[in-house]
Amino acid sequence: MAKKSAIEKNKRREKLVAKYAAKRAALKEKIYDKSLGDDERWMAALQLAQLPRNSARSRVRNRCEVSGRPRGFYRKFKMSRIALRELGSAGRVPGVVKSSW
């Protein structure tokens, strides 16, 4: 089980990402728009830099829904490899069957 503080910190980051997503997208669109003047694009870049760092999507870490483990994460199941193996063997993950031959 991961530390509760690390899991909660990641949840706070996810909330910030959702809150600032539209604003960040609009500013990035301005920055990459070549038809605007350099001054206007520069101001958009400065405004983007003023937003909280944790509002960037790349700061959010994929974590296991079961254990909170950050590594060995399967996106399809939203679980770590360890939790997937345990729950899959127990038959608690739909569509996952333990193979044997």
PDB file of N, CA and C in Angstrom:
ATOM      1  N   MET A   1       0.840  -1.178   0.000  1.00  0.00           N
ATOM      2  CA  MET A   1       0.000   0.000   0.000  1.00  0.00           C
ATOM      3  C   MET A   1       0.886   1.242   0.000  1.00  0.00           C
ATOM      4  N   ALA A   2       0.558   2.170  -0.860  1.00  0.00           N
ATOM      5  CA  ALA A   2       1.323   3.413  -0.951  1.00  0.00           C
ATOM      6  C   ALA A   2       0.983   4.325   0.239  1.00  0.00           C
ATOM      7  N   LYS A   3       1.843   5.317   0.452  1.00  0.00           N
ATOM      8  CA  LYS A   3       1.591   6.272   1.525  1.00  0.00           C
ATOM      9  C   LYS A   3       0.318   7.059   1.224  1.00  0.00           C
ATOM     10  N   LYS A   4      -0.482   7.270   2.236  1.00  0.00           N
ATOM     11  CA  LYS A   4      -1.732   8.015   2.077  1.00  0.00           C
ATOM     12  C   LYS A   4      -1.461   9.434   1.580  1.00  0.00           C
ATOM     13  N   SER A   5      -0.369  10.031   2.043  1.00  0.00           N
ATOM     14  CA  SER A   5      -0.068  11.403   1.649  1.00  0.00           C
ATOM     15  C   SER A   5       0.229  11.498   0.156  1.00  0.00           C
ATOM     16  N   ALA A   6       0.908  10.501  -0.395  1.00  0.00           N
ATOM     17  CA  ALA A   6       1.225  10.497  -1.826  1.00  0.00           C
ATOM     18  C   ALA A   6      -0.044  10.335  -2.657  1.00  0.00           C
ATOM     19  N   ILE A   7      -0.945   9.483  -2.189  1.00  0.00           N
ATOM     20  CA  ILE A   7      -2.210   9.270  -2.900  1.00  0.00           C
ATOM     21  C   ILE A   7      -3.050  10.539  -2.872  1.00  0.00           C
ATOM     22  N   GLU A   8      -3.126  11.183  -1.713  1.00  0.00           N
ATOM     23  CA  GLU A   8      -3.918  12.408  -1.572  1.00  0.00           C
ATOM     24  C   GLU A   8      -3.318  13.554  -2.390  1.00  0.00           C
ATOM     25  N   LYS A   9      -1.998  13.645  -2.413  1.00  0.00           N
ATOM     26  CA  LYS A   9      -1.338  14.676  -3.214  1.00  0.00           C
ATOM     27  C   LYS A   9      -1.688  14.507  -4.691  1.00  0.00           C
ATOM     28  N   ASN A  10      -1.712  13.278  -5.146  1.00  0.00           N
ATOM     29  CA  ASN A  10      -2.061  12.996  -6.540  1.00  0.00           C
ATOM     30  C   ASN A  10      -3.516  13.365  -6.825  1.00  0.00           C
ATOM     31  N   LYS A  11      -4.398  13.127  -5.857  1.00  0.00           N
ATOM     32  CA  LYS A  11      -5.812  13.489  -6.022  1.00  0.00           C
ATOM     33  C   LYS A  11      -5.975  15.005  -6.121  1.00  0.00           C
ATOM     34  N   ARG A  12      -5.210  15.736  -5.312  1.00  0.00           N
ATOM     35  CA  ARG A  12      -5.265  17.205  -5.379  1.00  0.00           C
ATOM     36  C   ARG A  12      -4.794  17.696  -6.746  1.00  0.00           C
ATOM     37  N   ARG A  13      -3.748  17.057  -7.272  1.00  0.00           N
ATOM     38  CA  ARG A  13      -3.246  17.424  -8.595  1.00  0.00           C
ATOM     39  C   ARG A  13      -4.303  17.171  -9.658  1.00  0.00           C
ATOM     40  N   GLU A  14      -5.021  16.039  -9.561  1.00  0.00           N
ATOM     41  CA  GLU A  14      -6.066  15.733 -10.532  1.00  0.00           C
ATOM     42  C   GLU A  14      -7.163  16.791 -10.513  1.00  0.00           C
ATOM     43  N   LYS A  15      -7.511  17.272  -9.320  1.00  0.00           N
ATOM     44  CA  LYS A  15      -8.527  18.327  -9.205  1.00  0.00           C
ATOM     45  C   LYS A  15      -8.040  19.621  -9.847  1.00  0.00           C
ATOM     46  N   LEU A  16      -6.779  19.978  -9.615  1.00  0.00           N
ATOM     47  CA  LEU A  16      -6.221  21.191 -10.215  1.00  0.00           C
ATOM     48  C   LEU A  16      -6.172  21.092 -11.732  1.00  0.00           C
ATOM     49  N   VAL A  17      -5.832  19.919 -12.240  1.00  0.00           N
ATOM     50  CA  VAL A  17      -5.782  19.723 -13.690  1.00  0.00           C
ATOM     51  C   VAL A  17      -7.164  19.950 -14.282  1.00  0.00           C
ATOM     52  N   ALA A  18      -8.184  19.392 -13.640  1.00  0.00           N
ATOM     53  CA  ALA A  18      -9.554  19.566 -14.135  1.00  0.00           C
ATOM     54  C   ALA A  18      -9.985  21.030 -14.061  1.00  0.00           C
ATOM     55  N   LYS A  19      -9.584  21.713 -12.998  1.00  0.00           N
ATOM     56  CA  LYS A  19      -9.990  23.106 -12.804  1.00  0.00           C
ATOM     57  C   LYS A  19      -9.382  24.037 -13.855  1.00  0.00           C
ATOM     58  N   TYR A  20      -8.111  23.844 -14.176  1.00  0.00           N
ATOM     59  CA  TYR A  20      -7.398  24.752 -15.069  1.00  0.00           C
ATOM     60  C   TYR A  20      -7.257  24.244 -16.501  1.00  0.00           C
ATOM     61  N   ALA A  21      -7.876  23.126 -16.849  1.00  0.00           N
ATOM     62  CA  ALA A  21      -7.685  22.526 -18.175  1.00  0.00           C
ATOM     63  C   ALA A  21      -8.081  23.471 -19.295  1.00  0.00           C
ATOM     64  N   ALA A  22      -9.241  24.088 -19.191  1.00  0.00           N
ATOM     65  CA  ALA A  22      -9.726  24.973 -20.253  1.00  0.00           C
ATOM     66  C   ALA A  22      -8.834  26.211 -20.381  1.00  0.00           C
ATOM     67  N   LYS A  23      -8.434  26.773 -19.255  1.00  0.00           N
ATOM     68  CA  LYS A  23      -7.596  27.971 -19.267  1.00  0.00           C
ATOM     69  C   LYS A  23      -6.223  27.675 -19.877  1.00  0.00           C
ATOM     70  N   ARG A  24      -5.643  26.538 -19.495  1.00  0.00           N
ATOM     71  CA  ARG A  24      -4.347  26.148 -20.048  1.00  0.00           C
ATOM     72  C   ARG A  24      -4.439  25.917 -21.557  1.00  0.00           C
ATOM     73  N   ALA A  25      -5.512  25.266 -21.993  1.00  0.00           N
ATOM     74  CA  ALA A  25      -5.679  24.985 -23.419  1.00  0.00           C
ATOM     75  C   ALA A  25      -5.810  26.273 -24.219  1.00  0.00           C
ATOM     76  N   ALA A  26      -6.564  27.238 -23.684  1.00  0.00           N
ATOM     77  CA  ALA A  26      -6.739  28.513 -24.381  1.00  0.00           C
ATOM     78  C   ALA A  26      -5.420  29.271 -24.481  1.00  0.00           C
ATOM     79  N   LEU A  27      -4.648  29.283 -23.402  1.00  0.00           N
ATOM     80  CA  LEU A  27      -3.367  29.981 -23.419  1.00  0.00           C
ATOM     81  C   LEU A  27      -2.383  29.306 -24.368  1.00  0.00           C
ATOM     82  N   LYS A  28      -2.365  27.990 -24.381  1.00  0.00           N
ATOM     83  CA  LYS A  28      -1.461  27.275 -25.287  1.00  0.00           C
ATOM     84  C   LYS A  28      -1.841  27.519 -26.741  1.00  0.00           C
ATOM     85  N   GLU A  29      -3.138  27.619 -26.993  1.00  0.00           N
ATOM     86  CA  GLU A  29      -3.599  27.909 -28.352  1.00  0.00           C
ATOM     87  C   GLU A  29      -3.104  29.283 -28.794  1.00  0.00           C
ATOM     88  N   LYS A  30      -3.139  30.243 -27.891  1.00  0.00           N
ATOM     89  CA  LYS A  30      -2.631  31.584 -28.199  1.00  0.00           C
ATOM     90  C   LYS A  30      -1.122  31.569 -28.460  1.00  0.00           C
ATOM     91  N   ILE A  31      -0.411  30.806 -27.638  1.00  0.00           N
ATOM     92  CA  ILE A  31       1.047  30.758 -27.753  1.00  0.00           C
ATOM     93  C   ILE A  31       1.468  30.204 -29.107  1.00  0.00           C
ATOM     94  N   TYR A  32       0.786  29.182 -29.588  1.00  0.00           N
ATOM     95  CA  TYR A  32       1.167  28.536 -30.841  1.00  0.00           C
ATOM     96  C   TYR A  32       0.527  29.160 -32.076  1.00  0.00           C
ATOM     97  N   ASP A  33      -0.304  30.177 -31.903  1.00  0.00           N
ATOM     98  CA  ASP A  33      -0.958  30.845 -33.034  1.00  0.00           C
ATOM     99  C   ASP A  33       0.008  31.859 -33.647  1.00  0.00           C
ATOM    100  N   LYS A  34       0.529  31.548 -34.822  1.00  0.00           N
ATOM    101  CA  LYS A  34       1.527  32.394 -35.487  1.00  0.00           C
ATOM    102  C   LYS A  34       0.925  33.686 -36.038  1.00  0.00           C
ATOM    103  N   SER A  35      -0.396  33.753 -36.181  1.00  0.00           N
ATOM    104  CA  SER A  35      -1.017  34.958 -36.731  1.00  0.00           C
ATOM    105  C   SER A  35      -1.073  36.094 -35.704  1.00  0.00           C
ATOM    106  N   LEU A  36      -0.929  35.774 -34.416  1.00  0.00           N
ATOM    107  CA  LEU A  36      -0.919  36.811 -33.379  1.00  0.00           C
ATOM    108  C   LEU A  36       0.453  37.468 -33.310  1.00  0.00           C
ATOM    109  N   GLY A  37       0.492  38.636 -32.736  1.00  0.00           N
ATOM    110  CA  GLY A  37       1.759  39.350 -32.584  1.00  0.00           C
ATOM    111  C   GLY A  37       2.633  38.709 -31.518  1.00  0.00           C
ATOM    112  N   ASP A  38       3.916  39.029 -31.582  1.00  0.00           N
ATOM    113  CA  ASP A  38       4.863  38.464 -30.619  1.00  0.00           C
ATOM    114  C   ASP A  38       4.551  38.886 -29.191  1.00  0.00           C
ATOM    115  N   ASP A  39       4.128  40.136 -29.018  1.00  0.00           N
ATOM    116  CA  ASP A  39       3.826  40.630 -27.672  1.00  0.00           C
ATOM    117  C   ASP A  39       2.657  39.860 -27.050  1.00  0.00           C
ATOM    118  N   GLU A  40       1.635  39.639 -27.855  1.00  0.00           N
ATOM    119  CA  GLU A  40       0.452  38.948 -27.345  1.00  0.00           C
ATOM    120  C   GLU A  40       0.781  37.484 -26.997  1.00  0.00           C
ATOM    121  N   ARG A  41       1.587  36.856 -27.835  1.00  0.00           N
ATOM    122  CA  ARG A  41       1.996  35.477 -27.567  1.00  0.00           C
ATOM    123  C   ARG A  41       2.877  35.422 -26.321  1.00  0.00           C
ATOM    124  N   TRP A  42       3.747  36.413 -26.151  1.00  0.00           N
ATOM    125  CA  TRP A  42       4.626  36.459 -24.978  1.00  0.00           C
ATOM    126  C   TRP A  42       3.803  36.632 -23.697  1.00  0.00           C
ATOM    127  N   MET A  43       2.783  37.469 -23.756  1.00  0.00           N
ATOM    128  CA  MET A  43       1.925  37.679 -22.584  1.00  0.00           C
ATOM    129  C   MET A  43       1.169  36.390 -22.229  1.00  0.00           C
ATOM    130  N   ALA A  44       0.738  35.660 -23.249  1.00  0.00           N
ATOM    131  CA  ALA A  44       0.059  34.385 -23.002  1.00  0.00           C
ATOM    132  C   ALA A  44       1.008  33.389 -22.339  1.00  0.00           C
ATOM    133  N   ALA A  45       2.269  33.389 -22.770  1.00  0.00           N
ATOM    134  CA  ALA A  45       3.261  32.500 -22.162  1.00  0.00           C
ATOM    135  C   ALA A  45       3.508  32.872 -20.702  1.00  0.00           C
ATOM    136  N   LEU A  46       3.540  34.161 -20.406  1.00  0.00           N
ATOM    137  CA  LEU A  46       3.724  34.600 -19.026  1.00  0.00           C
ATOM    138  C   LEU A  46       2.521  34.221 -18.159  1.00  0.00           C
ATOM    139  N   GLN A  47       1.316  34.349 -18.732  1.00  0.00           N
ATOM    140  CA  GLN A  47       0.113  33.965 -17.984  1.00  0.00           C
ATOM    141  C   GLN A  47       0.097  32.460 -17.716  1.00  0.00           C
ATOM    142  N   LEU A  48       0.554  31.692 -18.693  1.00  0.00           N
ATOM    143  CA  LEU A  48       0.622  30.241 -18.507  1.00  0.00           C
ATOM    144  C   LEU A  48       1.606  29.886 -17.396  1.00  0.00           C
ATOM    145  N   ALA A  49       2.702  30.602 -17.336  1.00  0.00           N
ATOM    146  CA  ALA A  49       3.706  30.352 -16.304  1.00  0.00           C
ATOM    147  C   ALA A  49       3.191  30.721 -14.912  1.00  0.00           C
ATOM    148  N   GLN A  50       2.206  31.618 -14.840  1.00  0.00           N
ATOM    149  CA  GLN A  50       1.657  32.036 -13.546  1.00  0.00           C
ATOM    150  C   GLN A  50       0.691  31.012 -12.959  1.00  0.00           C
ATOM    151  N   LEU A  51       0.198  30.093 -13.784  1.00  0.00           N
ATOM    152  CA  LEU A  51      -0.722  29.073 -13.281  1.00  0.00           C
ATOM    153  C   LEU A  51       0.036  28.104 -12.374  1.00  0.00           C
ATOM    154  N   PRO A  52      -0.678  27.439 -11.466  1.00  0.00           N
ATOM    155  CA  PRO A  52       0.000  26.480 -10.573  1.00  0.00           C
ATOM    156  C   PRO A  52       0.668  25.357 -11.356  1.00  0.00           C
ATOM    157  N   ARG A  53       1.841  24.967 -10.923  1.00  0.00           N
ATOM    158  CA  ARG A  53       2.565  23.898 -11.618  1.00  0.00           C
ATOM    159  C   ARG A  53       1.801  22.581 -11.572  1.00  0.00           C
ATOM    160  N   ASN A  54       1.131  22.335 -10.470  1.00  0.00           N
ATOM    161  CA  ASN A  54       0.407  21.073 -10.329  1.00  0.00           C
ATOM    162  C   ASN A  54      -0.856  21.026 -11.179  1.00  0.00           C
ATOM    163  N   SER A  55      -1.152  22.084 -11.922  1.00  0.00           N
ATOM    164  CA  SER A  55      -2.310  22.065 -12.809  1.00  0.00           C
ATOM    165  C   SER A  55      -1.939  21.509 -14.185  1.00  0.00           C
ATOM    166  N   ALA A  56      -0.673  21.149 -14.385  1.00  0.00           N
ATOM    167  CA  ALA A  56      -0.239  20.548 -15.648  1.00  0.00           C
ATOM    168  C   ALA A  56      -0.554  19.051 -15.630  1.00  0.00           C
ATOM    169  N   ARG A  57      -1.070  18.540 -16.728  1.00  0.00           N
ATOM    170  CA  ARG A  57      -1.474  17.136 -16.816  1.00  0.00           C
ATOM    171  C   ARG A  57      -0.295  16.189 -16.596  1.00  0.00           C
ATOM    172  N   SER A  58       0.891  16.593 -16.980  1.00  0.00           N
ATOM    173  CA  SER A  58       2.055  15.719 -16.859  1.00  0.00           C
ATOM    174  C   SER A  58       2.498  15.523 -15.405  1.00  0.00           C
ATOM    175  N   ARG A  59       1.971  16.315 -14.475  1.00  0.00           N
ATOM    176  CA  ARG A  59       2.344  16.165 -13.072  1.00  0.00           C
ATOM    177  C   ARG A  59       1.535  15.069 -12.364  1.00  0.00           C
ATOM    178  N   VAL A  60       0.450  14.618 -12.990  1.00  0.00           N
ATOM    179  CA  VAL A  60      -0.387  13.590 -12.375  1.00  0.00           C
ATOM    180  C   VAL A  60       0.232  12.226 -12.649  1.00  0.00           C
ATOM    181  N   ARG A  61       0.278  11.413 -11.624  1.00  0.00           N
ATOM    182  CA  ARG A  61       0.885  10.086 -11.715  1.00  0.00           C
ATOM    183  C   ARG A  61      -0.223   9.037 -11.788  1.00  0.00           C
ATOM    184  N   ASN A  62      -0.087   8.065 -12.691  1.00  0.00           N
ATOM    185  CA  ASN A  62      -1.039   6.954 -12.735  1.00  0.00           C
ATOM    186  C   ASN A  62      -0.792   6.070 -11.520  1.00  0.00           C
ATOM    187  N   ARG A  63      -1.850   5.832 -10.761  1.00  0.00           N
ATOM    188  CA  ARG A  63      -1.727   5.009  -9.565  1.00  0.00           C
ATOM    189  C   ARG A  63      -2.790   3.920  -9.556  1.00  0.00           C
ATOM    190  N   CYS A  64      -2.456   2.812  -8.957  1.00  0.00           N
ATOM    191  CA  CYS A  64      -3.368   1.684  -8.835  1.00  0.00           C
ATOM    192  C   CYS A  64      -4.574   2.094  -7.987  1.00  0.00           C
ATOM    193  N   GLU A  65      -5.781   1.731  -8.460  1.00  0.00           N
ATOM    194  CA  GLU A  65      -6.997   2.046  -7.712  1.00  0.00           C
ATOM    195  C   GLU A  65      -7.093   1.214  -6.429  1.00  0.00           C
ATOM    196  N   VAL A  66      -6.475   0.065  -6.426  1.00  0.00           N
ATOM    197  CA  VAL A  66      -6.580  -0.840  -5.284  1.00  0.00           C
ATOM    198  C   VAL A  66      -5.543  -0.500  -4.215  1.00  0.00           C
ATOM    199  N   SER A  67      -4.274  -0.419  -4.621  1.00  0.00           N
ATOM    200  CA  SER A  67      -3.206  -0.264  -3.639  1.00  0.00           C
ATOM    201  C   SER A  67      -2.539   1.107  -3.653  1.00  0.00           C
ATOM    202  N   GLY A  68      -2.719   1.883  -4.714  1.00  0.00           N
ATOM    203  CA  GLY A  68      -2.063   3.178  -4.817  1.00  0.00           C
ATOM    204  C   GLY A  68      -0.654   3.093  -5.361  1.00  0.00           C
ATOM    205  N   ARG A  69      -0.237   1.908  -5.774  1.00  0.00           N
ATOM    206  CA  ARG A  69       1.120   1.700  -6.291  1.00  0.00           C
ATOM    207  C   ARG A  69       1.312   2.476  -7.594  1.00  0.00           C
ATOM    208  N   PRO A  70       2.412   3.244  -7.722  1.00  0.00           N
ATOM    209  CA  PRO A  70       2.617   4.060  -8.918  1.00  0.00           C
ATOM    210  C   PRO A  70       3.310   3.347 -10.070  1.00  0.00           C
ATOM    211  N   ARG A  71       3.920   2.215  -9.812  1.00  0.00           N
ATOM    212  CA  ARG A  71       4.674   1.532 -10.877  1.00  0.00           C
ATOM    213  C   ARG A  71       3.993   0.232 -11.270  1.00  0.00           C
ATOM    214  N   GLY A  72       4.304  -0.230 -12.480  1.00  0.00           N
ATOM    215  CA  GLY A  72       3.701  -1.457 -12.968  1.00  0.00           C
ATOM    216  C   GLY A  72       2.211  -1.283 -13.170  1.00  0.00           C
ATOM    217  N   PHE A  73       1.803  -0.136 -13.716  1.00  0.00           N
ATOM    218  CA  PHE A  73       0.404   0.250 -13.843  1.00  0.00           C
ATOM    219  C   PHE A  73      -0.136  -0.143 -15.214  1.00  0.00           C
ATOM    220  N   TYR A  74      -1.280  -0.831 -15.235  1.00  0.00           N
ATOM    221  CA  TYR A  74      -1.968  -1.171 -16.480  1.00  0.00           C
ATOM    222  C   TYR A  74      -3.128  -0.206 -16.668  1.00  0.00           C
ATOM    223  N   ARG A  75      -3.067   0.609 -17.726  1.00  0.00           N
ATOM    224  CA  ARG A  75      -4.099   1.614 -17.957  1.00  0.00           C
ATOM    225  C   ARG A  75      -5.473   0.997 -18.186  1.00  0.00           C
ATOM    226  N   LYS A  76      -5.505  -0.116 -18.897  1.00  0.00           N
ATOM    227  CA  LYS A  76      -6.781  -0.744 -19.241  1.00  0.00           C
ATOM    228  C   LYS A  76      -7.571  -1.118 -17.986  1.00  0.00           C
ATOM    229  N   PHE A  77      -6.890  -1.568 -16.949  1.00  0.00           N
ATOM    230  CA  PHE A  77      -7.553  -2.016 -15.729  1.00  0.00           C
ATOM    231  C   PHE A  77      -7.457  -1.006 -14.588  1.00  0.00           C
ATOM    232  N   LYS A  78      -6.624   0.014 -14.740  1.00  0.00           N
ATOM    233  CA  LYS A  78      -6.360   0.998 -13.688  1.00  0.00           C
ATOM    234  C   LYS A  78      -5.847   0.318 -12.415  1.00  0.00           C
ATOM    235  N   MET A  79      -4.996  -0.688 -12.627  1.00  0.00           N
ATOM    236  CA  MET A  79      -4.432  -1.438 -11.513  1.00  0.00           C
ATOM    237  C   MET A  79      -2.960  -1.711 -11.754  1.00  0.00           C
ATOM    238  N   SER A  80      -2.264  -1.963 -10.669  1.00  0.00           N
ATOM    239  CA  SER A  80      -0.868  -2.373 -10.787  1.00  0.00           C
ATOM    240  C   SER A  80      -0.814  -3.847 -11.158  1.00  0.00           C
ATOM    241  N   ARG A  81       0.348  -4.282 -11.570  1.00  0.00           N
ATOM    242  CA  ARG A  81       0.519  -5.672 -12.000  1.00  0.00           C
ATOM    243  C   ARG A  81       0.248  -6.646 -10.859  1.00  0.00           C
ATOM    244  N   ILE A  82       0.583  -6.234  -9.655  1.00  0.00           N
ATOM    245  CA  ILE A  82       0.418  -7.113  -8.489  1.00  0.00           C
ATOM    246  C   ILE A  82      -1.058  -7.286  -8.152  1.00  0.00           C
ATOM    247  N   ALA A  83      -1.787  -6.160  -8.116  1.00  0.00           N
ATOM    248  CA  ALA A  83      -3.218  -6.220  -7.811  1.00  0.00           C
ATOM    249  C   ALA A  83      -3.971  -6.959  -8.917  1.00  0.00           C
ATOM    250  N   LEU A  84      -3.546  -6.746 -10.164  1.00  0.00           N
ATOM    251  CA  LEU A  84      -4.196  -7.430 -11.281  1.00  0.00           C
ATOM    252  C   LEU A  84      -4.014  -8.933 -11.170  1.00  0.00           C
ATOM    253  N   ARG A  85      -2.832  -9.358 -10.801  1.00  0.00           N
ATOM    254  CA  ARG A  85      -2.578 -10.798 -10.672  1.00  0.00           C
ATOM    255  C   ARG A  85      -3.411 -11.411  -9.548  1.00  0.00           C
ATOM    256  N   GLU A  86      -3.452 -10.725  -8.410  1.00  0.00           N
ATOM    257  CA  GLU A  86      -4.213 -11.256  -7.269  1.00  0.00           C
ATOM    258  C   GLU A  86      -5.703 -11.318  -7.568  1.00  0.00           C
ATOM    259  N   LEU A  87      -6.254 -10.210  -8.050  1.00  0.00           N
ATOM    260  CA  LEU A  87      -7.689 -10.166  -8.313  1.00  0.00           C
ATOM    261  C   LEU A  87      -8.066 -11.006  -9.530  1.00  0.00           C
ATOM    262  N   GLY A  88      -7.182 -11.051 -10.534  1.00  0.00           N
ATOM    263  CA  GLY A  88      -7.441 -11.870 -11.711  1.00  0.00           C
ATOM    264  C   GLY A  88      -7.464 -13.344 -11.376  1.00  0.00           C
ATOM    265  N   SER A  89      -6.555 -13.780 -10.525  1.00  0.00           N
ATOM    266  CA  SER A  89      -6.524 -15.184 -10.110  1.00  0.00           C
ATOM    267  C   SER A  89      -7.750 -15.550  -9.284  1.00  0.00           C
ATOM    268  N   ALA A  90      -8.251 -14.573  -8.539  1.00  0.00           N
ATOM    269  CA  ALA A  90      -9.442 -14.817  -7.721  1.00  0.00           C
ATOM    270  C   ALA A  90     -10.722 -14.705  -8.541  1.00  0.00           C
ATOM    271  N   GLY A  91     -10.602 -14.257  -9.800  1.00  0.00           N
ATOM    272  CA  GLY A  91     -11.764 -14.144 -10.670  1.00  0.00           C
ATOM    273  C   GLY A  91     -12.589 -12.897 -10.431  1.00  0.00           C
ATOM    274  N   ARG A  92     -11.985 -11.860  -9.891  1.00  0.00           N
ATOM    275  CA  ARG A  92     -12.711 -10.629  -9.575  1.00  0.00           C
ATOM    276  C   ARG A  92     -12.570  -9.550 -10.635  1.00  0.00           C
ATOM    277  N   VAL A  93     -11.793  -9.822 -11.696  1.00  0.00           N
ATOM    278  CA  VAL A  93     -11.628  -8.845 -12.779  1.00  0.00           C
ATOM    279  C   VAL A  93     -12.355  -9.405 -13.998  1.00  0.00           C
ATOM    280  N   PRO A  94     -13.406  -8.727 -14.479  1.00  0.00           N
ATOM    281  CA  PRO A  94     -14.157  -9.241 -15.626  1.00  0.00           C
ATOM    282  C   PRO A  94     -13.295  -9.358 -16.864  1.00  0.00           C
ATOM    283  N   GLY A  95     -13.391 -10.494 -17.529  1.00  0.00           N
ATOM    284  CA  GLY A  95     -12.671 -10.707 -18.776  1.00  0.00           C
ATOM    285  C   GLY A  95     -11.256 -11.218 -18.609  1.00  0.00           C
ATOM    286  N   VAL A  96     -10.787 -11.371 -17.403  1.00  0.00           N
ATOM    287  CA  VAL A  96      -9.426 -11.855 -17.163  1.00  0.00           C
ATOM    288  C   VAL A  96      -9.513 -13.282 -16.645  1.00  0.00           C
ATOM    289  N   VAL A  97      -8.805 -14.175 -17.347  1.00  0.00           N
ATOM    290  CA  VAL A  97      -8.787 -15.572 -16.954  1.00  0.00           C
ATOM    291  C   VAL A  97      -7.335 -16.001 -16.811  1.00  0.00           C
ATOM    292  N   LYS A  98      -7.024 -16.693 -15.741  1.00  0.00           N
ATOM    293  CA  LYS A  98      -5.665 -17.189 -15.554  1.00  0.00           C
ATOM    294  C   LYS A  98      -5.426 -18.291 -16.571  1.00  0.00           C
ATOM    295  N   SER A  99      -4.336 -18.127 -17.307  1.00  0.00           N
ATOM    296  CA  SER A  99      -4.044 -19.124 -18.332  1.00  0.00           C
ATOM    297  C   SER A  99      -3.294 -20.303 -17.730  1.00  0.00           C
ATOM    298  N   SER A 100      -3.545 -21.469 -18.276  1.00  0.00           N
ATOM    299  CA  SER A 100      -2.794 -22.669 -17.872  1.00  0.00           C
ATOM    300  C   SER A 100      -2.793 -23.627 -19.037  1.00  0.00           C
ATOM    301  N   TRP A 101      -1.676 -24.310 -19.233  1.00  0.00           N
ATOM    302  CA  TRP A 101      -1.583 -25.292 -20.326  1.00  0.00           C
ATOM    303  C   TRP A 101      -0.668 -26.422 -19.954  1.00  0.00           C
TER     304      TRP A 101
END
